[in-house]
Amino acid sequence: MPFDFNLEEGAIIPVDKPYGWTSADVVRKVKFMLQKKTGLKHIKVGHAGTLDPLATGLLVLCAGKATKQTERLQAEEKEYVAHIRLGATTPSFDLEKEIDHTYPFEHITREAVEQALQQFTGTQEQVPPVFSAKLIDGKRAYTLAREGKTTEMKPAVVTIYEMEIQHFALPKLIVRITCSKGTYIRSLARDLGVALQSGGHLTDLRRTRSGKYHISNACSIAEIENKLKNWKVEKDVVPLRLV
């Protein structure tokens, strides 16, 4: 397992976030499991980069002294596999909200998509979705959006390093994306639809890499739970050590 060292020195735990869980849900669950195992109430646990509830994949957790590395890890390059439906939009840019508009998509070719992806490669300003965790006057943007309040989302500078089409079968599109922190793949799906003179929204998103950590080395919540059953608490040496 990728976190078999003592928690006093710090543990970095790559987790495969389940669908429907918030990143905070994962942090709370793992923190609770560690507290229960060790009897220590003040174990620090945080994550290095939020994933939306409807996204799955790699969520890097930092526990103990490793929480000091959170900011550095969060700044590292990310990789995603995005499933996009062309020809339709939703207010949330994903499946959280129902389709609000449909558009023709039959004119779109693979070559047109490749050209559009090149247009979005590089450093640029991107407008975050209104249904996002961005803070607006101390409130999360998604809270205001769900209350029906109109908010102006300020663009943020992001960098998209590489995009590759993995599957093209209209209206469905699968793209592998390598990008900087803070990039909203939902916004990219929306912007791509506009660039193709159509619409677009995200139907599935999976983070496959964050810095040097890869989804192939991540643990499910159940695997972490099972692993903790075999961990031995050594109170006179370190809070938690794998044996």
Protein backbone atom coordinates (compact mmCIF):
# COMPACT_ATOMS: atom_id res chain seq x y z
CA MET A 1 0.00 0.00 0.00
CA PRO A 2 1.25 3.55 -0.71
CA PHE A 3 1.07 4.88 2.88
CA ASP A 4 2.88 2.24 4.92
CA PHE A 5 5.02 4.50 7.11
CA ASN A 6 4.40 5.99 10.49
CA LEU A 7 1.79 8.68 10.85
CA GLU A 8 3.88 10.79 13.23
CA GLU A 9 6.28 11.52 10.37
CA GLY A 10 3.33 12.05 8.07
CA ALA A 11 1.41 10.01 5.54
CA ILE A 12 0.38 10.84 1.98
CA ILE A 13 -2.59 8.67 1.05
CA PRO A 14 -3.75 8.49 -2.59
CA VAL A 15 -7.49 7.71 -2.51
CA ASP A 16 -9.84 6.70 -5.33
CA LYS A 17 -12.75 9.05 -4.51
CA PRO A 18 -16.17 7.42 -4.95
CA TYR A 19 -18.90 8.95 -7.12
CA GLY A 20 -21.20 11.25 -5.17
CA TRP A 21 -18.77 11.89 -2.30
CA THR A 22 -17.41 15.36 -1.71
CA SER A 23 -13.68 15.72 -1.08
CA ALA A 24 -14.57 16.78 2.47
CA ASP A 25 -16.55 13.53 2.90
CA VAL A 26 -13.41 11.53 2.10
CA VAL A 27 -11.28 13.59 4.50
CA ARG A 28 -13.82 13.14 7.31
CA LYS A 29 -14.11 9.38 6.72
CA VAL A 30 -10.36 8.74 6.70
CA LYS A 31 -9.80 11.05 9.67
CA PHE A 32 -12.50 9.21 11.63
CA MET A 33 -10.92 5.83 10.81
CA LEU A 34 -7.48 7.02 11.92
CA GLN A 35 -8.85 8.54 15.12
CA LYS A 36 -10.73 5.35 15.93
CA LYS A 37 -7.67 3.18 15.30
CA THR A 38 -5.17 5.29 17.24
CA GLY A 39 -7.36 6.83 19.93
CA LEU A 40 -5.84 10.19 19.00
CA LYS A 41 -8.42 12.98 18.64
CA HIS A 42 -6.21 15.59 17.01
CA ILE A 43 -4.89 13.86 13.88
CA LYS A 44 -4.70 16.34 11.01
CA VAL A 45 -6.02 15.22 7.62
CA GLY A 46 -6.46 17.35 4.50
CA HIS A 47 -6.56 16.96 0.74
CA ALA A 48 -4.38 18.39 -2.02
CA GLY A 49 -6.95 19.44 -4.61
CA THR A 50 -10.76 19.26 -4.61
CA LEU A 51 -12.76 16.90 -6.79
CA ASP A 52 -16.42 17.63 -7.54
CA PRO A 53 -18.96 15.19 -6.04
CA LEU A 54 -19.85 13.87 -9.52
CA ALA A 55 -16.18 13.23 -10.34
CA THR A 56 -14.21 10.15 -9.34
CA GLY A 57 -10.55 9.27 -9.16
CA LEU A 58 -7.40 10.39 -7.48
CA LEU A 59 -7.73 12.51 -4.34
CA VAL A 60 -4.40 12.95 -2.55
CA LEU A 61 -4.84 13.05 1.23
CA CYS A 62 -2.19 14.30 3.64
CA ALA A 63 -2.20 13.12 7.26
CA GLY A 64 -0.12 14.11 10.28
CA LYS A 65 2.95 16.21 9.51
CA ALA A 66 2.42 15.61 5.78
CA THR A 67 -0.34 18.25 5.87
CA LYS A 68 2.51 20.77 5.60
CA GLN A 69 2.98 19.51 2.02
CA THR A 70 -0.64 20.14 0.98
CA GLU A 71 -0.03 23.47 -0.77
CA ARG A 72 2.95 22.10 -2.73
CA LEU A 73 1.07 18.98 -3.80
CA GLN A 74 -2.00 20.96 -4.76
CA ALA A 75 0.06 23.11 -7.13
CA GLU A 76 1.25 20.13 -9.18
CA GLU A 77 0.03 19.16 -12.64
CA LYS A 78 -3.23 17.19 -12.92
CA GLU A 79 -4.50 14.67 -15.47
CA TYR A 80 -8.15 13.84 -16.19
CA VAL A 81 -10.23 11.69 -18.49
CA ALA A 82 -13.34 13.66 -19.42
CA HIS A 83 -16.54 12.36 -21.03
CA ILE A 84 -18.31 15.17 -22.87
CA ARG A 85 -21.69 15.24 -24.57
CA LEU A 86 -21.86 17.67 -27.46
CA GLY A 87 -25.09 19.27 -28.63
CA ALA A 88 -26.54 20.06 -25.21
CA THR A 89 -25.86 22.29 -22.21
CA THR A 90 -26.77 22.31 -18.53
CA PRO A 91 -26.64 25.24 -16.04
CA SER A 92 -23.99 23.41 -13.99
CA PHE A 93 -21.96 22.33 -17.07
CA ASP A 94 -22.33 18.72 -15.85
CA LEU A 95 -25.07 16.28 -14.78
CA GLU A 96 -25.94 18.05 -11.52
CA LYS A 97 -28.61 19.96 -13.45
CA GLU A 98 -30.92 18.87 -16.27
CA ILE A 99 -30.29 19.82 -19.90
CA ASP A 100 -31.58 23.33 -20.57
CA HIS A 101 -30.74 23.76 -24.27
CA THR A 102 -30.00 21.48 -27.22
CA TYR A 103 -28.05 22.36 -30.38
CA PRO A 104 -27.17 20.72 -33.71
CA PHE A 105 -24.01 18.61 -33.55
CA GLU A 106 -24.09 16.64 -36.81
CA HIS A 107 -21.73 19.15 -38.46
CA ILE A 108 -18.94 18.42 -35.96
CA THR A 109 -16.03 16.34 -37.27
CA ARG A 110 -13.09 14.79 -35.43
CA GLU A 111 -10.81 17.25 -37.23
CA ALA A 112 -12.90 20.18 -35.99
CA VAL A 113 -12.64 18.88 -32.42
CA GLU A 114 -8.87 18.49 -32.72
CA GLN A 115 -8.56 22.08 -33.97
CA ALA A 116 -10.76 23.35 -31.14
CA LEU A 117 -8.69 21.49 -28.56
CA GLN A 118 -5.55 23.15 -29.90
CA GLN A 119 -7.29 26.50 -29.42
CA PHE A 120 -7.70 25.75 -25.71
CA THR A 121 -4.16 24.44 -25.18
CA GLY A 122 -1.84 26.82 -23.36
CA THR A 123 -2.22 29.53 -20.71
CA GLN A 124 -5.56 31.33 -20.77
CA GLU A 125 -8.33 32.91 -18.72
CA GLN A 126 -11.17 30.57 -17.81
CA VAL A 127 -14.52 31.46 -16.26
CA PRO A 128 -15.43 29.00 -13.46
CA PRO A 129 -18.93 27.48 -13.35
CA VAL A 130 -21.52 29.23 -11.16
CA PHE A 131 -22.02 25.81 -9.54
CA SER A 132 -18.49 25.71 -8.11
CA ALA A 133 -16.74 26.02 -4.76
CA LYS A 134 -15.38 29.49 -5.58
CA LEU A 135 -15.89 31.98 -2.75
CA ILE A 136 -18.08 34.99 -3.56
CA ASP A 137 -18.28 37.50 -0.69
CA GLY A 138 -17.60 34.71 1.79
CA LYS A 139 -20.12 32.27 0.31
CA ARG A 140 -19.56 29.32 -2.01
CA ALA A 141 -20.72 30.07 -5.56
CA TYR A 142 -22.77 26.87 -5.68
CA THR A 143 -24.68 27.95 -2.55
CA LEU A 144 -25.66 31.23 -4.20
CA ALA A 145 -26.53 29.45 -7.46
CA ARG A 146 -28.78 26.97 -5.66
CA GLU A 147 -30.51 29.89 -3.95
CA GLY A 148 -31.25 31.31 -7.40
CA LYS A 149 -28.96 34.31 -6.94
CA THR A 150 -27.07 35.72 -9.91
CA THR A 151 -23.31 35.85 -9.42
CA GLU A 152 -20.55 37.21 -11.64
CA MET A 153 -17.73 34.69 -11.90
CA LYS A 154 -14.33 36.29 -12.39
CA PRO A 155 -12.00 34.53 -14.84
CA ALA A 156 -8.93 32.75 -13.50
CA VAL A 157 -5.65 32.06 -15.30
CA VAL A 158 -5.12 28.34 -15.98
CA THR A 159 -2.83 26.30 -18.20
CA ILE A 160 -3.84 23.30 -20.28
CA TYR A 161 -0.69 21.43 -21.26
CA GLU A 162 -2.06 18.65 -23.44
CA MET A 163 -5.36 17.25 -24.73
CA GLU A 164 -5.89 14.01 -26.60
CA ILE A 165 -9.07 12.54 -28.08
CA GLN A 166 -9.53 9.00 -26.78
CA HIS A 167 -12.97 8.35 -28.27
CA PHE A 168 -15.09 10.16 -30.85
CA ALA A 169 -18.65 9.00 -31.57
CA LEU A 170 -21.09 11.91 -31.83
CA PRO A 171 -22.51 13.24 -29.65
CA LYS A 172 -20.07 11.55 -27.23
CA LEU A 173 -16.46 12.57 -26.83
CA ILE A 174 -13.75 11.32 -24.46
CA VAL A 175 -10.65 13.49 -23.94
CA ARG A 176 -7.54 13.02 -21.82
CA ILE A 177 -6.47 16.36 -20.37
CA THR A 178 -3.29 17.46 -18.60
CA CYS A 179 -3.61 20.82 -16.90
CA SER A 180 -2.66 23.14 -14.05
CA LYS A 181 -4.41 23.38 -10.71
CA GLY A 182 -7.63 25.37 -10.71
CA THR A 183 -8.70 24.23 -14.18
CA TYR A 184 -12.41 23.49 -14.41
CA ILE A 185 -12.97 20.66 -16.88
CA ARG A 186 -16.70 21.46 -16.77
CA SER A 187 -15.94 24.94 -18.09
CA LEU A 188 -13.73 23.44 -20.78
CA ALA A 189 -16.61 21.18 -21.89
CA ARG A 190 -18.90 24.22 -22.11
CA ASP A 191 -16.31 26.32 -23.96
CA LEU A 192 -15.53 23.48 -26.36
CA GLY A 193 -19.22 23.24 -27.30
CA VAL A 194 -19.32 26.98 -28.03
CA ALA A 195 -16.14 26.77 -30.14
CA LEU A 196 -17.75 23.99 -32.19
CA GLN A 197 -20.87 26.14 -32.77
CA SER A 198 -22.90 23.79 -30.63
CA GLY A 199 -23.23 23.03 -26.93
CA GLY A 200 -21.36 20.79 -24.54
CA HIS A 201 -21.41 19.50 -20.99
CA LEU A 202 -19.51 17.04 -18.86
CA THR A 203 -21.09 13.61 -18.31
CA ASP A 204 -18.22 11.90 -16.46
CA LEU A 205 -14.87 12.98 -15.04
CA ARG A 206 -12.05 10.92 -13.56
CA ARG A 207 -8.78 12.31 -12.22
CA THR A 208 -6.03 9.88 -13.14
CA ARG A 209 -2.93 11.70 -11.91
CA SER A 210 -1.82 14.48 -9.58
CA GLY A 211 1.90 15.21 -9.72
CA LYS A 212 3.73 11.91 -9.26
CA TYR A 213 0.69 10.14 -7.80
CA HIS A 214 -1.35 7.96 -10.17
CA ILE A 215 -4.80 6.42 -9.88
CA SER A 216 -3.26 2.96 -10.33
CA ASN A 217 -1.66 3.36 -6.87
CA ALA A 218 -4.75 4.78 -5.16
CA CYS A 219 -6.78 2.99 -2.48
CA SER A 220 -10.52 2.70 -2.24
CA ILE A 221 -12.16 3.62 1.06
CA ALA A 222 -12.78 -0.08 1.68
CA GLU A 223 -9.10 -0.92 1.08
CA ILE A 224 -8.01 1.73 3.59
CA GLU A 225 -10.50 0.33 6.10
CA ASN A 226 -9.21 -3.21 5.61
CA LYS A 227 -5.58 -2.10 5.80
CA LEU A 228 -6.16 -0.31 9.09
CA LYS A 229 -7.38 -3.56 10.64
CA ASN A 230 -3.82 -4.90 10.26
CA TRP A 231 -2.10 -1.80 11.63
CA LYS A 232 -0.61 -1.95 15.11
CA VAL A 233 -0.59 1.03 17.43
CA GLU A 234 2.80 1.45 19.14
CA LYS A 235 2.07 4.13 21.72
CA ASP A 236 5.59 4.26 23.10
CA VAL A 237 7.22 4.80 19.69
CA VAL A 238 4.91 6.34 17.11
CA PRO A 239 1.12 6.77 16.95
CA LEU A 240 0.68 4.33 14.08
CA ARG A 241 2.97 1.92 12.31
CA LEU A 242 2.33 -0.72 9.69
CA VAL A 243 3.31 -4.26 10.71
